[in-house]
Amino acid sequence: MKILCITESLGSGGAERQLVRLATLFKREGHEVNFLVYEENEFYEKDLVNNGIKIIKIYNCSAIQRIIRIRRITRQGNYGLLISF
């Protein structure tokens, strides 16, 4: 199954840690996992890259542009599951 995890950033917060852990576990179970972030903070980026999880970054855009880009990415990606924190 294709899974997309969406969060504001990869900062050092607890929600980000939980989502990175979930993504890692899904990847180990054989699922295709991608991560989408829209703010710069790369604290957990190394953990995702080391586990073969692709990170989609959409920085420097307005709220409306962000909504449009996220909608386009989710539709084109044909994801079976979206997880947003």
N, C-alpha and C. Protein backbone atom coordinates (compact mmCIF):
# COMPACT_ATOMS: atom_id res chain seq x y z
N MET A 1 0.84 -1.17 0.00
CA MET A 1 0.00 0.00 0.00
C MET A 1 0.89 1.24 0.00
N LYS A 2 0.46 2.27 -0.74
CA LYS A 2 1.18 3.53 -0.74
C LYS A 2 0.62 4.41 0.38
N ILE A 3 1.53 4.93 1.20
CA ILE A 3 1.14 5.73 2.36
C ILE A 3 1.83 7.08 2.27
N LEU A 4 1.09 8.16 2.51
CA LEU A 4 1.65 9.50 2.57
C LEU A 4 1.44 10.07 3.96
N CYS A 5 2.53 10.44 4.61
CA CYS A 5 2.49 11.07 5.92
C CYS A 5 2.68 12.57 5.72
N ILE A 6 1.79 13.37 6.27
CA ILE A 6 1.83 14.82 6.10
C ILE A 6 2.00 15.46 7.46
N THR A 7 3.00 16.34 7.57
CA THR A 7 3.21 17.10 8.80
C THR A 7 3.85 18.43 8.45
N GLU A 8 3.76 19.37 9.36
CA GLU A 8 4.28 20.71 9.11
C GLU A 8 5.78 20.69 8.84
N SER A 9 6.54 20.03 9.71
CA SER A 9 7.99 20.00 9.54
C SER A 9 8.54 18.71 10.15
N LEU A 10 9.83 18.54 10.03
CA LEU A 10 10.50 17.39 10.63
C LEU A 10 11.24 17.83 11.88
N GLY A 11 10.65 18.77 12.61
CA GLY A 11 11.25 19.29 13.83
C GLY A 11 11.35 18.24 14.92
N SER A 12 11.88 18.64 16.07
CA SER A 12 12.17 17.69 17.14
C SER A 12 10.99 17.45 18.09
N GLY A 13 9.79 17.79 17.67
CA GLY A 13 8.62 17.63 18.54
C GLY A 13 8.15 16.20 18.67
N GLY A 14 7.25 15.99 19.61
CA GLY A 14 6.73 14.66 19.88
C GLY A 14 5.85 14.11 18.77
N ALA A 15 5.02 14.95 18.16
CA ALA A 15 4.15 14.49 17.07
C ALA A 15 5.00 14.06 15.88
N GLU A 16 6.03 14.82 15.59
CA GLU A 16 6.91 14.47 14.48
C GLU A 16 7.62 13.15 14.74
N ARG A 17 8.07 12.97 15.97
CA ARG A 17 8.74 11.72 16.34
C ARG A 17 7.81 10.53 16.16
N GLN A 18 6.56 10.68 16.59
CA GLN A 18 5.58 9.60 16.45
C GLN A 18 5.31 9.27 14.98
N LEU A 19 5.17 10.31 14.16
CA LEU A 19 4.88 10.08 12.75
C LEU A 19 6.07 9.45 12.03
N VAL A 20 7.28 9.87 12.37
CA VAL A 20 8.48 9.27 11.78
C VAL A 20 8.57 7.81 12.19
N ARG A 21 8.26 7.51 13.43
CA ARG A 21 8.29 6.12 13.91
C ARG A 21 7.25 5.26 13.19
N LEU A 22 6.04 5.80 13.02
CA LEU A 22 5.00 5.07 12.29
C LEU A 22 5.43 4.81 10.84
N ALA A 23 5.99 5.83 10.20
CA ALA A 23 6.43 5.68 8.82
C ALA A 23 7.51 4.61 8.70
N THR A 24 8.44 4.60 9.64
CA THR A 24 9.51 3.61 9.65
C THR A 24 8.94 2.19 9.82
N LEU A 25 7.99 2.04 10.71
CA LEU A 25 7.37 0.73 10.92
C LEU A 25 6.59 0.27 9.69
N PHE A 26 5.85 1.19 9.07
CA PHE A 26 5.14 0.84 7.84
C PHE A 26 6.11 0.41 6.74
N LYS A 27 7.23 1.11 6.63
CA LYS A 27 8.23 0.77 5.61
C LYS A 27 8.79 -0.63 5.87
N ARG A 28 9.07 -0.95 7.12
CA ARG A 28 9.59 -2.28 7.46
C ARG A 28 8.61 -3.39 7.13
N GLU A 29 7.32 -3.06 7.17
CA GLU A 29 6.27 -4.04 6.85
C GLU A 29 6.06 -4.19 5.35
N GLY A 30 6.82 -3.43 4.55
CA GLY A 30 6.76 -3.58 3.11
C GLY A 30 5.91 -2.57 2.37
N HIS A 31 5.41 -1.57 3.05
CA HIS A 31 4.60 -0.55 2.40
C HIS A 31 5.49 0.51 1.77
N GLU A 32 4.99 1.18 0.74
CA GLU A 32 5.69 2.31 0.14
C GLU A 32 5.26 3.56 0.90
N VAL A 33 6.23 4.23 1.53
CA VAL A 33 5.91 5.37 2.39
C VAL A 33 6.62 6.62 1.88
N ASN A 34 5.85 7.72 1.78
CA ASN A 34 6.40 9.03 1.46
C ASN A 34 6.01 10.00 2.56
N PHE A 35 6.79 11.06 2.70
CA PHE A 35 6.56 12.08 3.71
C PHE A 35 6.40 13.42 3.02
N LEU A 36 5.44 14.22 3.41
CA LEU A 36 5.26 15.56 2.86
C LEU A 36 5.37 16.57 3.99
N VAL A 37 6.24 17.56 3.81
CA VAL A 37 6.41 18.64 4.80
C VAL A 37 6.34 19.98 4.09
N TYR A 38 5.90 21.00 4.82
CA TYR A 38 5.76 22.32 4.21
C TYR A 38 6.47 23.43 4.99
N GLU A 39 7.24 23.11 5.99
CA GLU A 39 8.08 24.07 6.71
C GLU A 39 9.48 23.49 6.86
N GLU A 40 10.49 24.35 6.79
CA GLU A 40 11.87 23.88 6.91
C GLU A 40 12.23 23.60 8.36
N ASN A 41 12.61 22.41 8.64
CA ASN A 41 13.19 21.96 9.90
C ASN A 41 13.51 20.49 9.67
N GLU A 42 14.77 20.14 9.68
CA GLU A 42 15.20 18.84 9.21
C GLU A 42 15.74 17.92 10.30
N PHE A 43 15.21 18.03 11.50
CA PHE A 43 15.72 17.25 12.61
C PHE A 43 15.63 15.74 12.35
N TYR A 44 14.50 15.26 11.85
CA TYR A 44 14.29 13.83 11.62
C TYR A 44 14.54 13.39 10.17
N GLU A 45 15.02 14.28 9.33
CA GLU A 45 15.21 13.94 7.92
C GLU A 45 16.17 12.78 7.74
N LYS A 46 17.25 12.76 8.49
CA LYS A 46 18.25 11.69 8.37
C LYS A 46 17.63 10.32 8.67
N ASP A 47 16.76 10.25 9.68
CA ASP A 47 16.10 8.97 10.02
C ASP A 47 15.25 8.46 8.86
N LEU A 48 14.53 9.36 8.21
CA LEU A 48 13.70 8.96 7.08
C LEU A 48 14.53 8.51 5.89
N VAL A 49 15.57 9.28 5.57
CA VAL A 49 16.43 8.94 4.43
C VAL A 49 17.13 7.61 4.67
N ASN A 50 17.58 7.37 5.88
CA ASN A 50 18.26 6.10 6.20
C ASN A 50 17.33 4.90 6.06
N ASN A 51 16.03 5.12 6.18
CA ASN A 51 15.05 4.03 6.04
C ASN A 51 14.43 3.98 4.66
N GLY A 52 14.94 4.78 3.73
CA GLY A 52 14.47 4.74 2.35
C GLY A 52 13.11 5.38 2.14
N ILE A 53 12.77 6.36 2.95
CA ILE A 53 11.49 7.05 2.85
C ILE A 53 11.71 8.37 2.12
N LYS A 54 10.97 8.57 1.03
CA LYS A 54 11.09 9.78 0.22
C LYS A 54 10.40 10.95 0.93
N ILE A 55 11.04 12.12 0.89
CA ILE A 55 10.50 13.32 1.51
C ILE A 55 10.13 14.31 0.40
N ILE A 56 8.88 14.73 0.39
CA ILE A 56 8.39 15.73 -0.55
C ILE A 56 8.31 17.05 0.21
N LYS A 57 9.04 18.06 -0.27
CA LYS A 57 9.09 19.36 0.42
C LYS A 57 8.38 20.41 -0.42
N ILE A 58 7.45 21.13 0.18
CA ILE A 58 6.78 22.23 -0.50
C ILE A 58 6.92 23.48 0.37
N TYR A 59 8.08 24.09 0.31
CA TYR A 59 8.40 25.28 1.11
C TYR A 59 8.00 26.56 0.37
N ASN A 60 7.94 27.64 1.13
CA ASN A 60 7.78 28.99 0.61
C ASN A 60 6.56 29.16 -0.30
N CYS A 61 5.42 28.81 0.21
CA CYS A 61 4.19 29.05 -0.55
C CYS A 61 3.10 29.51 0.42
N SER A 62 2.11 30.19 -0.14
CA SER A 62 1.00 30.68 0.69
C SER A 62 0.11 29.50 1.10
N ALA A 63 -0.80 29.77 2.00
CA ALA A 63 -1.69 28.71 2.48
C ALA A 63 -2.54 28.12 1.34
N ILE A 64 -3.03 28.98 0.47
CA ILE A 64 -3.83 28.51 -0.67
C ILE A 64 -2.99 27.66 -1.61
N GLN A 65 -1.78 28.13 -1.92
CA GLN A 65 -0.88 27.36 -2.78
C GLN A 65 -0.56 26.02 -2.16
N ARG A 66 -0.36 26.00 -0.84
CA ARG A 66 -0.06 24.76 -0.13
C ARG A 66 -1.20 23.76 -0.27
N ILE A 67 -2.43 24.22 -0.10
CA ILE A 67 -3.59 23.35 -0.24
C ILE A 67 -3.66 22.77 -1.65
N ILE A 68 -3.45 23.62 -2.64
CA ILE A 68 -3.51 23.16 -4.03
C ILE A 68 -2.41 22.14 -4.31
N ARG A 69 -1.20 22.39 -3.82
CA ARG A 69 -0.09 21.46 -4.05
C ARG A 69 -0.32 20.13 -3.34
N ILE A 70 -0.79 20.18 -2.11
CA ILE A 70 -1.04 18.94 -1.37
C ILE A 70 -2.13 18.13 -2.07
N ARG A 71 -3.17 18.80 -2.52
CA ARG A 71 -4.24 18.10 -3.23
C ARG A 71 -3.71 17.45 -4.51
N ARG A 72 -2.88 18.17 -5.26
CA ARG A 72 -2.32 17.62 -6.49
C ARG A 72 -1.43 16.42 -6.19
N ILE A 73 -0.60 16.53 -5.18
CA ILE A 73 0.31 15.44 -4.82
C ILE A 73 -0.47 14.20 -4.39
N THR A 74 -1.50 14.38 -3.58
CA THR A 74 -2.26 13.22 -3.10
C THR A 74 -3.03 12.54 -4.23
N ARG A 75 -3.57 13.33 -5.16
CA ARG A 75 -4.31 12.74 -6.28
C ARG A 75 -3.39 12.04 -7.27
N GLN A 76 -2.26 12.67 -7.59
CA GLN A 76 -1.33 12.08 -8.56
C GLN A 76 -0.59 10.89 -7.98
N GLY A 77 -0.41 10.88 -6.66
CA GLY A 77 0.35 9.81 -6.01
C GLY A 77 -0.41 8.51 -5.85
N ASN A 78 -1.73 8.56 -6.00
CA ASN A 78 -2.56 7.36 -5.89
C ASN A 78 -2.31 6.64 -4.56
N TYR A 79 -2.36 7.39 -3.46
CA TYR A 79 -2.09 6.84 -2.14
C TYR A 79 -3.30 6.08 -1.60
N GLY A 80 -3.04 5.01 -0.91
CA GLY A 80 -4.10 4.23 -0.27
C GLY A 80 -4.43 4.74 1.12
N LEU A 81 -3.48 5.48 1.71
CA LEU A 81 -3.67 5.98 3.07
C LEU A 81 -2.93 7.29 3.24
N LEU A 82 -3.60 8.28 3.84
CA LEU A 82 -2.98 9.55 4.20
C LEU A 82 -3.02 9.70 5.71
N ILE A 83 -1.86 10.03 6.29
CA ILE A 83 -1.80 10.25 7.73
C ILE A 83 -1.28 11.67 7.94
N SER A 84 -2.03 12.47 8.66
CA SER A 84 -1.64 13.86 8.87
C SER A 84 -1.60 14.16 10.36
N PHE A 85 -0.51 14.76 10.80
CA PHE A 85 -0.38 15.20 12.19
C PHE A 85 -0.29 16.70 12.21
